[in-house]
Structure formats: structure tokens, C-alpha cells
């Protein structure tokens, strides 16, 4: 079962409504909006990573773009506290690339 199909199978009972009033979580607008945000982030992230891999294979991946890819990969990770310093370094490298373009 795919993640998209399994999310529709998750249901909840409204408080005080009894067990006969069950709503699928995917029918709530806030859940739909969050799913849309997540899908967009995943698609954009995949496109960016695919582009980085293409640049890397052509030996054209610059340090700034590589830093952006690393920063993006760890931005919402559970290991954020461990890699927090690393992300600050990635931000510094990204900023250097921006500033040097002026």
C-alpha cells in the first residue's frame, strides 16, 4: 500500500460524537493542506538533488550549490542538534557564494 493510499485509511472519531461518527483524516482541510505542502517540498527537493547529481557527474558542482544540498538534506532531520554546527557552516558557504557574485 502506498503512503498516499494509507493516509486515507487513517480515521478518527470526533469527540463526543460516539463511535458511529468516524471521519477520515484525509478529509480534513488542514491535513490536505499539509499533505500538499509536503508533496511540494518533496518534489522541489528531488528536482534540486537531481540537478546537483547531474552537476556532480559533469564535475560542475560548485561548493555553494553542494552546501545548499547538504543544508537542505539536514534542515528538518532528527539529527539536527548533532549537525547544527555543520548547517551553520553550510549557510556560511552559501552566503559566500551569494556575496561573491556581487
PDB file of N, CA and C in Angstrom:
ATOM      1  N   UNK A   1       0.848  -1.176   0.000  1.00  0.00           N
ATOM      2  CA  UNK A   1       0.000   0.000   0.000  1.00  0.00           C
ATOM      3  C   UNK A   1       0.893   1.239   0.000  1.00  0.00           C
ATOM      4  N   UNK A   2       0.629   2.201  -0.870  1.00  0.00           N
ATOM      5  CA  UNK A   2       1.434   3.413  -0.925  1.00  0.00           C
ATOM      6  C   UNK A   2       1.055   4.354   0.209  1.00  0.00           C
ATOM      7  N   UNK A   3       1.960   5.301   0.496  1.00  0.00           N
ATOM      8  CA  UNK A   3       1.703   6.242   1.587  1.00  0.00           C
ATOM      9  C   UNK A   3       0.442   7.055   1.314  1.00  0.00           C
ATOM     10  N   UNK A   4       0.238   7.453   0.068  1.00  0.00           N
ATOM     11  CA  UNK A   4      -0.943   8.245  -0.277  1.00  0.00           C
ATOM     12  C   UNK A   4      -2.239   7.491  -0.031  1.00  0.00           C
ATOM     13  N   UNK A   5      -2.246   6.209  -0.310  1.00  0.00           N
ATOM     14  CA  UNK A   5      -3.447   5.410  -0.089  1.00  0.00           C
ATOM     15  C   UNK A   5      -3.629   5.082   1.386  1.00  0.00           C
ATOM     16  N   UNK A   6      -2.531   4.860   2.095  1.00  0.00           N
ATOM     17  CA  UNK A   6      -2.659   4.502   3.505  1.00  0.00           C
ATOM     18  C   UNK A   6      -3.109   5.686   4.343  1.00  0.00           C
ATOM     19  N   UNK A   7      -2.791   6.906   3.945  1.00  0.00           N
ATOM     20  CA  UNK A   7      -3.236   8.068   4.720  1.00  0.00           C
ATOM     21  C   UNK A   7      -4.754   8.170   4.699  1.00  0.00           C
ATOM     22  N   UNK A   8      -5.371   7.754   3.616  1.00  0.00           N
ATOM     23  CA  UNK A   8      -6.816   7.789   3.537  1.00  0.00           C
ATOM     24  C   UNK A   8      -7.479   6.751   4.424  1.00  0.00           C
ATOM     25  N   UNK A   9      -6.722   5.745   4.831  1.00  0.00           N
ATOM     26  CA  UNK A   9      -7.274   4.691   5.672  1.00  0.00           C
ATOM     27  C   UNK A   9      -7.251   5.068   7.147  1.00  0.00           C
ATOM     28  N   UNK A  10      -6.542   6.117   7.498  1.00  0.00           N
ATOM     29  CA  UNK A  10      -6.476   6.547   8.889  1.00  0.00           C
ATOM     30  C   UNK A  10      -7.740   7.323   9.212  1.00  0.00           C
ATOM     31  N   UNK A  11      -8.406   6.945  10.287  1.00  0.00           N
ATOM     32  CA  UNK A  11      -9.662   7.588  10.646  1.00  0.00           C
ATOM     33  C   UNK A  11      -9.628   8.012  12.104  1.00  0.00           C
ATOM     34  N   UNK A  12     -10.507   8.929  12.448  1.00  0.00           N
ATOM     35  CA  UNK A  12     -10.630   9.346  13.843  1.00  0.00           C
ATOM     36  C   UNK A  12     -12.096   9.508  14.192  1.00  0.00           C
ATOM     37  N   UNK A  13     -12.386   9.384  15.454  1.00  0.00           N
ATOM     38  CA  UNK A  13     -13.741   9.594  15.950  1.00  0.00           C
ATOM     39  C   UNK A  13     -13.800  10.993  16.536  1.00  0.00           C
ATOM     40  N   UNK A  14     -14.806  11.732  16.148  1.00  0.00           N
ATOM     41  CA  UNK A  14     -14.967  13.078  16.709  1.00  0.00           C
ATOM     42  C   UNK A  14     -15.322  12.971  18.179  1.00  0.00           C
ATOM     43  N   UNK A  15     -14.705  13.831  19.010  1.00  0.00           N
ATOM     44  CA  UNK A  15     -15.009  13.789  20.445  1.00  0.00           C
ATOM     45  C   UNK A  15     -16.500  14.013  20.707  1.00  0.00           C
ATOM     46  N   UNK A  16     -17.069  13.176  21.531  1.00  0.00           N
ATOM     47  CA  UNK A  16     -18.469  13.318  21.918  1.00  0.00           C
ATOM     48  C   UNK A  16     -19.467  12.863  20.874  1.00  0.00           C
ATOM     49  N   UNK A  17     -18.994  12.392  19.730  1.00  0.00           N
ATOM     50  CA  UNK A  17     -19.918  12.013  18.673  1.00  0.00           C
ATOM     51  C   UNK A  17     -20.258  10.531  18.682  1.00  0.00           C
ATOM     52  N   UNK A  18     -19.597   9.778  19.523  1.00  0.00           N
ATOM     53  CA  UNK A  18     -19.848   8.339  19.554  1.00  0.00           C
ATOM     54  C   UNK A  18     -19.053   7.644  18.471  1.00  0.00           C
ATOM     55  N   UNK A  19     -19.030   6.347  18.539  1.00  0.00           N
ATOM     56  CA  UNK A  19     -18.202   5.579  17.603  1.00  0.00           C
ATOM     57  C   UNK A  19     -18.792   5.518  16.197  1.00  0.00           C
ATOM     58  N   UNK A  20     -20.021   5.953  16.021  1.00  0.00           N
ATOM     59  CA  UNK A  20     -20.628   5.877  14.691  1.00  0.00           C
ATOM     60  C   UNK A  20     -20.231   7.061  13.803  1.00  0.00           C
ATOM     61  N   UNK A  21     -19.632   8.086  14.383  1.00  0.00           N
ATOM     62  CA  UNK A  21     -19.259   9.276  13.601  1.00  0.00           C
ATOM     63  C   UNK A  21     -17.745   9.296  13.402  1.00  0.00           C
ATOM     64  N   UNK A  22     -17.308   8.617  12.375  1.00  0.00           N
ATOM     65  CA  UNK A  22     -15.880   8.498  12.086  1.00  0.00           C
ATOM     66  C   UNK A  22     -15.575   9.280  10.810  1.00  0.00           C
ATOM     67  N   UNK A  23     -14.511  10.095  10.856  1.00  0.00           N
ATOM     68  CA  UNK A  23     -14.089  10.847   9.677  1.00  0.00           C
ATOM     69  C   UNK A  23     -12.685  10.407   9.283  1.00  0.00           C
ATOM     70  N   UNK A  24     -12.470  10.305   8.000  1.00  0.00           N
ATOM     71  CA  UNK A  24     -11.132  10.023   7.523  1.00  0.00           C
ATOM     72  C   UNK A  24     -10.290  11.287   7.696  1.00  0.00           C
ATOM     73  N   UNK A  25      -9.072  11.106   8.175  1.00  0.00           N
ATOM     74  CA  UNK A  25      -8.196  12.267   8.380  1.00  0.00           C
ATOM     75  C   UNK A  25      -7.929  13.007   7.076  1.00  0.00           C
ATOM     76  N   UNK A  26      -7.870  12.286   5.973  1.00  0.00           N
ATOM     77  CA  UNK A  26      -7.573  12.933   4.696  1.00  0.00           C
ATOM     78  C   UNK A  26      -8.708  13.840   4.231  1.00  0.00           C
ATOM     79  N   UNK A  27      -9.863  13.784   4.896  1.00  0.00           N
ATOM     80  CA  UNK A  27     -10.978  14.664   4.534  1.00  0.00           C
ATOM     81  C   UNK A  27     -10.912  16.018   5.238  1.00  0.00           C
ATOM     82  N   UNK A  28      -9.996  16.175   6.187  1.00  0.00           N
ATOM     83  CA  UNK A  28      -9.848  17.458   6.866  1.00  0.00           C
ATOM     84  C   UNK A  28      -8.983  18.387   6.015  1.00  0.00           C
ATOM     85  N   UNK A  29      -9.454  19.613   5.854  1.00  0.00           N
ATOM     86  CA  UNK A  29      -8.749  20.571   5.000  1.00  0.00           C
ATOM     87  C   UNK A  29      -7.332  20.847   5.487  1.00  0.00           C
ATOM     88  N   UNK A  30      -7.133  20.961   6.794  1.00  0.00           N
ATOM     89  CA  UNK A  30      -5.789  21.232   7.305  1.00  0.00           C
ATOM     90  C   UNK A  30      -4.832  20.082   6.993  1.00  0.00           C
ATOM     91  N   UNK A  31      -5.314  18.867   7.052  1.00  0.00           N
ATOM     92  CA  UNK A  31      -4.484  17.713   6.703  1.00  0.00           C
ATOM     93  C   UNK A  31      -4.175  17.729   5.211  1.00  0.00           C
ATOM     94  N   UNK A  32      -5.168  18.053   4.397  1.00  0.00           N
ATOM     95  CA  UNK A  32      -4.951  18.138   2.948  1.00  0.00           C
ATOM     96  C   UNK A  32      -3.915  19.203   2.615  1.00  0.00           C
ATOM     97  N   UNK A  33      -3.992  20.343   3.298  1.00  0.00           N
ATOM     98  CA  UNK A  33      -3.029  21.419   3.049  1.00  0.00           C
ATOM     99  C   UNK A  33      -1.615  20.993   3.437  1.00  0.00           C
ATOM    100  N   UNK A  34      -1.486  20.312   4.562  1.00  0.00           N
ATOM    101  CA  UNK A  34      -0.168  19.845   4.991  1.00  0.00           C
ATOM    102  C   UNK A  34       0.379  18.817   4.016  1.00  0.00           C
ATOM    103  N   UNK A  35      -0.473  17.920   3.543  1.00  0.00           N
ATOM    104  CA  UNK A  35      -0.045  16.939   2.548  1.00  0.00           C
ATOM    105  C   UNK A  35       0.420  17.625   1.264  1.00  0.00           C
ATOM    106  N   UNK A  36      -0.290  18.681   0.859  1.00  0.00           N
ATOM    107  CA  UNK A  36       0.101  19.429  -0.338  1.00  0.00           C
ATOM    108  C   UNK A  36       1.462  20.102  -0.136  1.00  0.00           C
ATOM    109  N   UNK A  37       1.679  20.678   1.050  1.00  0.00           N
ATOM    110  CA  UNK A  37       2.971  21.308   1.354  1.00  0.00           C
ATOM    111  C   UNK A  37       4.097  20.280   1.309  1.00  0.00           C
ATOM    112  N   UNK A  38       3.865  19.126   1.923  1.00  0.00           N
ATOM    113  CA  UNK A  38       4.890  18.090   1.965  1.00  0.00           C
ATOM    114  C   UNK A  38       5.214  17.555   0.572  1.00  0.00           C
ATOM    115  N   UNK A  39       4.169  17.331  -0.240  1.00  0.00           N
ATOM    116  CA  UNK A  39       4.410  16.835  -1.594  1.00  0.00           C
ATOM    117  C   UNK A  39       5.195  17.852  -2.409  1.00  0.00           C
ATOM    118  N   UNK A  40       4.864  19.127  -2.258  1.00  0.00           N
ATOM    119  CA  UNK A  40       5.587  20.180  -2.976  1.00  0.00           C
ATOM    120  C   UNK A  40       7.048  20.214  -2.553  1.00  0.00           C
ATOM    121  N   UNK A  41       7.287  20.153  -1.249  1.00  0.00           N
ATOM    122  CA  UNK A  41       8.660  20.176  -0.748  1.00  0.00           C
ATOM    123  C   UNK A  41       9.452  18.969  -1.247  1.00  0.00           C
ATOM    124  N   UNK A  42       8.824  17.819  -1.272  1.00  0.00           N
ATOM    125  CA  UNK A  42       9.492  16.610  -1.756  1.00  0.00           C
ATOM    126  C   UNK A  42       9.828  16.730  -3.237  1.00  0.00           C
ATOM    127  N   UNK A  43       8.876  17.206  -4.031  1.00  0.00           N
ATOM    128  CA  UNK A  43       9.102  17.332  -5.480  1.00  0.00           C
ATOM    129  C   UNK A  43      10.190  18.348  -5.798  1.00  0.00           C
ATOM    130  N   UNK A  44      10.152  19.481  -5.140  1.00  0.00           N
ATOM    131  CA  UNK A  44      11.170  20.511  -5.359  1.00  0.00           C
ATOM    132  C   UNK A  44      12.532  19.994  -4.891  1.00  0.00           C
ATOM    133  N   UNK A  45      12.538  19.332  -3.747  1.00  0.00           N
ATOM    134  CA  UNK A  45      13.792  18.776  -3.231  1.00  0.00           C
ATOM    135  C   UNK A  45      14.388  17.743  -4.163  1.00  0.00           C
ATOM    136  N   UNK A  46      13.546  16.870  -4.694  1.00  0.00           N
ATOM    137  CA  UNK A  46      14.031  15.849  -5.628  1.00  0.00           C
ATOM    138  C   UNK A  46      14.622  16.491  -6.877  1.00  0.00           C
ATOM    139  N   UNK A  47      13.944  17.505  -7.406  1.00  0.00           N
ATOM    140  CA  UNK A  47      14.438  18.183  -8.605  1.00  0.00           C
ATOM    141  C   UNK A  47      15.798  18.834  -8.326  1.00  0.00           C
ATOM    142  N   UNK A  48      15.922  19.462  -7.154  1.00  0.00           N
ATOM    143  CA  UNK A  48      17.181  20.105  -6.793  1.00  0.00           C
ATOM    144  C   UNK A  48      18.295  19.068  -6.640  1.00  0.00           C
ATOM    145  N   UNK A  49      18.008  17.979  -5.945  1.00  0.00           N
ATOM    146  CA  UNK A  49      19.012  16.937  -5.751  1.00  0.00           C
ATOM    147  C   UNK A  49      19.385  16.300  -7.088  1.00  0.00           C
ATOM    148  N   UNK A  50      18.401  16.058  -7.950  1.00  0.00           N
ATOM    149  CA  UNK A  50      18.690  15.511  -9.278  1.00  0.00           C
ATOM    150  C   UNK A  50      19.617  16.442 -10.055  1.00  0.00           C
ATOM    151  N   UNK A  51      19.359  17.744  -9.968  1.00  0.00           N
ATOM    152  CA  UNK A  51      20.203  18.721 -10.642  1.00  0.00           C
ATOM    153  C   UNK A  51      21.625  18.690 -10.063  1.00  0.00           C
ATOM    154  N   UNK A  52      21.722  18.606  -8.737  1.00  0.00           N
ATOM    155  CA  UNK A  52      23.044  18.537  -8.094  1.00  0.00           C
ATOM    156  C   UNK A  52      23.801  17.285  -8.534  1.00  0.00           C
ATOM    157  N   UNK A  53      23.101  16.162  -8.622  1.00  0.00           N
ATOM    158  CA  UNK A  53      23.749  14.925  -9.059  1.00  0.00           C
ATOM    159  C   UNK A  53      24.228  15.035 -10.503  1.00  0.00           C
ATOM    160  N   UNK A  54      23.433  15.684 -11.338  1.00  0.00           N
ATOM    161  CA  UNK A  54      23.831  15.899 -12.735  1.00  0.00           C
ATOM    162  C   UNK A  54      25.083  16.775 -12.796  1.00  0.00           C
ATOM    163  N   UNK A  55      25.076  17.866 -12.025  1.00  0.00           N
ATOM    164  CA  UNK A  55      26.247  18.749 -11.985  1.00  0.00           C
ATOM    165  C   UNK A  55      27.472  18.011 -11.453  1.00  0.00           C
ATOM    166  N   UNK A  56      27.280  17.188 -10.444  1.00  0.00           N
ATOM    167  CA  UNK A  56      28.389  16.421  -9.874  1.00  0.00           C
ATOM    168  C   UNK A  56      28.962  15.456 -10.901  1.00  0.00           C
ATOM    169  N   UNK A  57      28.095  14.774 -11.634  1.00  0.00           N
ATOM    170  CA  UNK A  57      28.578  13.816 -12.639  1.00  0.00           C
ATOM    171  C   UNK A  57      29.332  14.519 -13.764  1.00  0.00           C
ATOM    172  N   UNK A  58      28.995  15.796 -13.996  1.00  0.00           N
ATOM    173  CA  UNK A  58      29.689  16.587 -15.025  1.00  0.00           C
ATOM    174  C   UNK A  58      30.862  17.365 -14.442  1.00  0.00           C
ATOM    175  N   UNK A  59      31.135  17.130 -13.151  1.00  0.00           N
ATOM    176  CA  UNK A  59      32.206  17.822 -12.426  1.00  0.00           C
ATOM    177  C   UNK A  59      32.029  19.341 -12.472  1.00  0.00           C
ATOM    178  N   UNK A  60      30.758  19.778 -12.365  1.00  0.00           N
ATOM    179  CA  UNK A  60      30.448  21.211 -12.377  1.00  0.00           C
ATOM    180  C   UNK A  60      29.732  21.654 -11.102  1.00  0.00           C
ATOM    181  N   UNK A  61      29.674  20.792 -10.095  1.00  0.00           N
ATOM    182  CA  UNK A  61      29.000  21.130  -8.845  1.00  0.00           C
ATOM    183  C   UNK A  61      29.913  22.030  -8.024  1.00  0.00           C
ATOM    184  N   UNK A  62      29.498  23.275  -7.828  1.00  0.00           N
ATOM    185  CA  UNK A  62      30.314  24.231  -7.070  1.00  0.00           C
ATOM    186  C   UNK A  62      30.064  24.078  -5.572  1.00  0.00           C
ATOM    187  N   UNK A  63      30.995  24.567  -4.738  1.00  0.00           N
ATOM    188  CA  UNK A  63      30.850  24.410  -3.282  1.00  0.00           C
ATOM    189  C   UNK A  63      29.566  25.029  -2.720  1.00  0.00           C
ATOM    190  N   UNK A  64      29.138  26.147  -3.259  1.00  0.00           N
ATOM    191  CA  UNK A  64      27.934  26.798  -2.764  1.00  0.00           C
ATOM    192  C   UNK A  64      26.690  25.936  -2.994  1.00  0.00           C
ATOM    193  N   UNK A  65      26.560  25.396  -4.186  1.00  0.00           N
ATOM    194  CA  UNK A  65      25.406  24.544  -4.501  1.00  0.00           C
ATOM    195  C   UNK A  65      25.462  23.238  -3.704  1.00  0.00           C
ATOM    196  N   UNK A  66      26.660  22.678  -3.548  1.00  0.00           N
ATOM    197  CA  UNK A  66      26.816  21.470  -2.734  1.00  0.00           C
ATOM    198  C   UNK A  66      26.415  21.757  -1.288  1.00  0.00           C
ATOM    199  N   UNK A  67      26.768  22.928  -0.798  1.00  0.00           N
ATOM    200  CA  UNK A  67      26.399  23.312   0.569  1.00  0.00           C
ATOM    201  C   UNK A  67      24.897  23.457   0.715  1.00  0.00           C
ATOM    202  N   UNK A  68      24.243  24.023  -0.315  1.00  0.00           N
ATOM    203  CA  UNK A  68      22.785  24.143  -0.276  1.00  0.00           C
ATOM    204  C   UNK A  68      22.142  22.761  -0.210  1.00  0.00           C
ATOM    205  N   UNK A  69      22.678  21.818  -0.978  1.00  0.00           N
ATOM    206  CA  UNK A  69      22.124  20.457  -0.978  1.00  0.00           C
ATOM    207  C   UNK A  69      22.298  19.814   0.394  1.00  0.00           C
ATOM    208  N   UNK A  70      23.467  19.977   0.987  1.00  0.00           N
ATOM    209  CA  UNK A  70      23.709  19.404   2.313  1.00  0.00           C
ATOM    210  C   UNK A  70      22.820  20.067   3.356  1.00  0.00           C
ATOM    211  N   UNK A  71      22.694  21.388   3.280  1.00  0.00           N
ATOM    212  CA  UNK A  71      21.850  22.118   4.229  1.00  0.00           C
ATOM    213  C   UNK A  71      20.411  21.649   4.114  1.00  0.00           C
ATOM    214  N   UNK A  72      19.910  21.536   2.888  1.00  0.00           N
ATOM    215  CA  UNK A  72      18.527  21.101   2.662  1.00  0.00           C
ATOM    216  C   UNK A  72      18.318  19.689   3.199  1.00  0.00           C
ATOM    217  N   UNK A  73      19.303  18.823   2.998  1.00  0.00           N
ATOM    218  CA  UNK A  73      19.166  17.431   3.423  1.00  0.00           C
ATOM    219  C   UNK A  73      19.024  17.303   4.931  1.00  0.00           C
ATOM    220  N   UNK A  74      19.680  18.183   5.681  1.00  0.00           N
ATOM    221  CA  UNK A  74      19.655  18.072   7.144  1.00  0.00           C
ATOM    222  C   UNK A  74      18.746  19.083   7.810  1.00  0.00           C
ATOM    223  N   UNK A  75      18.060  19.922   7.055  1.00  0.00           N
ATOM    224  CA  UNK A  75      17.277  21.014   7.642  1.00  0.00           C
ATOM    225  C   UNK A  75      16.191  20.525   8.602  1.00  0.00           C
ATOM    226  N   UNK A  76      15.459  19.496   8.251  1.00  0.00           N
ATOM    227  CA  UNK A  76      14.377  19.007   9.094  1.00  0.00           C
ATOM    228  C   UNK A  76      14.674  17.638   9.697  1.00  0.00           C
ATOM    229  N   UNK A  77      15.911  17.283   9.697  1.00  0.00           N
ATOM    230  CA  UNK A  77      16.311  15.966  10.168  1.00  0.00           C
ATOM    231  C   UNK A  77      16.263  15.870  11.686  1.00  0.00           C
ATOM    232  N   UNK A  78      16.065  14.666  12.190  1.00  0.00           N
ATOM    233  CA  UNK A  78      16.105  14.437  13.636  1.00  0.00           C
ATOM    234  C   UNK A  78      17.513  14.616  14.186  1.00  0.00           C
ATOM    235  N   UNK A  79      18.501  14.551  13.320  1.00  0.00           N
ATOM    236  CA  UNK A  79      19.876  14.703  13.773  1.00  0.00           C
ATOM    237  C   UNK A  79      20.307  16.169  13.760  1.00  0.00           C
ATOM    238  N   UNK A  80      19.357  17.064  13.640  1.00  0.00           N
ATOM    239  CA  UNK A  80      19.650  18.496  13.588  1.00  0.00           C
ATOM    240  C   UNK A  80      20.567  18.963  14.716  1.00  0.00           C
ATOM    241  N   UNK A  81      20.310  18.589  15.982  1.00  0.00           N
ATOM    242  CA  UNK A  81      21.215  19.050  17.038  1.00  0.00           C
ATOM    243  C   UNK A  81      22.655  18.598  16.818  1.00  0.00           C
ATOM    244  N   UNK A  82      22.843  17.409  16.258  1.00  0.00           N
ATOM    245  CA  UNK A  82      24.191  16.905  16.013  1.00  0.00           C
ATOM    246  C   UNK A  82      24.844  17.670  14.868  1.00  0.00           C
ATOM    247  N   UNK A  83      24.082  17.914  13.808  1.00  0.00           N
ATOM    248  CA  UNK A  83      24.624  18.563  12.628  1.00  0.00           C
ATOM    249  C   UNK A  83      24.367  20.064  12.601  1.00  0.00           C
ATOM    250  N   UNK A  84      23.885  20.628  13.700  1.00  0.00           N
ATOM    251  CA  UNK A  84      23.589  22.051  13.755  1.00  0.00           C
ATOM    252  C   UNK A  84      24.775  22.906  13.358  1.00  0.00           C
ATOM    253  N   UNK A  85      25.943  22.589  13.890  1.00  0.00           N
ATOM    254  CA  UNK A  85      27.147  23.339  13.537  1.00  0.00           C
ATOM    255  C   UNK A  85      27.495  23.189  12.074  1.00  0.00           C
ATOM    256  N   UNK A  86      27.298  21.978  11.554  1.00  0.00           N
ATOM    257  CA  UNK A  86      27.568  21.726  10.146  1.00  0.00           C
ATOM    258  C   UNK A  86      26.660  22.572   9.272  1.00  0.00           C
ATOM    259  N   UNK A  87      25.386  22.692   9.644  1.00  0.00           N
ATOM    260  CA  UNK A  87      24.463  23.514   8.861  1.00  0.00           C
ATOM    261  C   UNK A  87      24.865  24.983   8.904  1.00  0.00           C
ATOM    262  N   UNK A  88      25.393  25.442  10.029  1.00  0.00           N
ATOM    263  CA  UNK A  88      25.855  26.823  10.093  1.00  0.00           C
ATOM    264  C   UNK A  88      27.016  27.036   9.124  1.00  0.00           C
ATOM    265  N   UNK A  89      27.880  26.049   9.004  1.00  0.00           N
ATOM    266  CA  UNK A  89      28.988  26.125   8.048  1.00  0.00           C
ATOM    267  C   UNK A  89      28.441  26.122   6.626  1.00  0.00           C
ATOM    268  N   UNK A  90      27.426  25.284   6.363  1.00  0.00           N
ATOM    269  CA  UNK A  90      26.822  25.248   5.025  1.00  0.00           C
ATOM    270  C   UNK A  90      26.210  26.606   4.683  1.00  0.00           C
ATOM    271  N   UNK A  91      25.541  27.218   5.656  1.00  0.00           N
ATOM    272  CA  UNK A  91      24.955  28.545   5.425  1.00  0.00           C
ATOM    273  C   UNK A  91      26.043  29.564   5.112  1.00  0.00           C
ATOM    274  N   UNK A  92      27.163  29.462   5.807  1.00  0.00           N
ATOM    275  CA  UNK A  92      28.282  30.377   5.568  1.00  0.00           C
ATOM    276  C   UNK A  92      28.819  30.215   4.149  1.00  0.00           C
ATOM    277  N   UNK A  93      28.962  28.983   3.702  1.00  0.00           N
ATOM    278  CA  UNK A  93      29.444  28.741   2.342  1.00  0.00           C
ATOM    279  C   UNK A  93      28.453  29.239   1.294  1.00  0.00           C
ATOM    280  N   UNK A  94      27.177  29.047   1.554  1.00  0.00           N
ATOM    281  CA  UNK A  94      26.139  29.536   0.636  1.00  0.00           C
ATOM    282  C   UNK A  94      26.191  31.058   0.562  1.00  0.00           C
ATOM    283  N   UNK A  95      26.290  31.700   1.723  1.00  0.00           N
ATOM    284  CA  UNK A  95      26.333  33.160   1.777  1.00  0.00           C
ATOM    285  C   UNK A  95      27.568  33.697   1.048  1.00  0.00           C
ATOM    286  N   UNK A  96      28.694  33.048   1.200  1.00  0.00           N
ATOM    287  CA  UNK A  96      29.912  33.474   0.491  1.00  0.00           C
ATOM    288  C   UNK A  96      29.694  33.460  -1.009  1.00  0.00           C
ATOM    289  N   UNK A  97      29.008  32.410  -1.499  1.00  0.00           N
ATOM    290  CA  UNK A  97      28.718  32.335  -2.922  1.00  0.00           C
ATOM    291  C   UNK A  97      27.813  33.464  -3.387  1.00  0.00           C
ATOM    292  N   UNK A  98      26.876  33.854  -2.545  1.00  0.00           N
ATOM    293  CA  UNK A  98      25.966  34.948  -2.897  1.00  0.00           C
ATOM    294  C   UNK A  98      26.699  36.277  -2.888  1.00  0.00           C
ATOM    295  N   UNK A  99      27.470  36.511  -1.843  1.00  0.00           N
ATOM    296  CA  UNK A  99      28.184  37.779  -1.696  1.00  0.00           C
ATOM    297  C   UNK A  99      29.239  37.949  -2.779  1.00  0.00           C
ATOM    298  N   UNK A 100      29.913  36.880  -3.145  1.00  0.00           N
ATOM    299  CA  UNK A 100      30.972  36.982  -4.151  1.00  0.00           C
ATOM    300  C   UNK A 100      30.429  37.220  -5.549  1.00  0.00           C
ATOM    301  N   UNK A 101      29.141  37.017  -5.763  1.00  0.00           N
ATOM    302  CA  UNK A 101      28.527  37.241  -7.080  1.00  0.00           C
ATOM    303  C   UNK A 101      28.265  38.710  -7.341  1.00  0.00           C
ATOM    304  N   UNK A 102      28.352  39.544  -6.305  1.00  0.00           N
ATOM    305  CA  UNK A 102      28.056  40.980  -6.475  1.00  0.00           C
ATOM    306  C   UNK A 102      29.200  41.717  -7.117  1.00  0.00           C
TER     307      UNK A 102
END
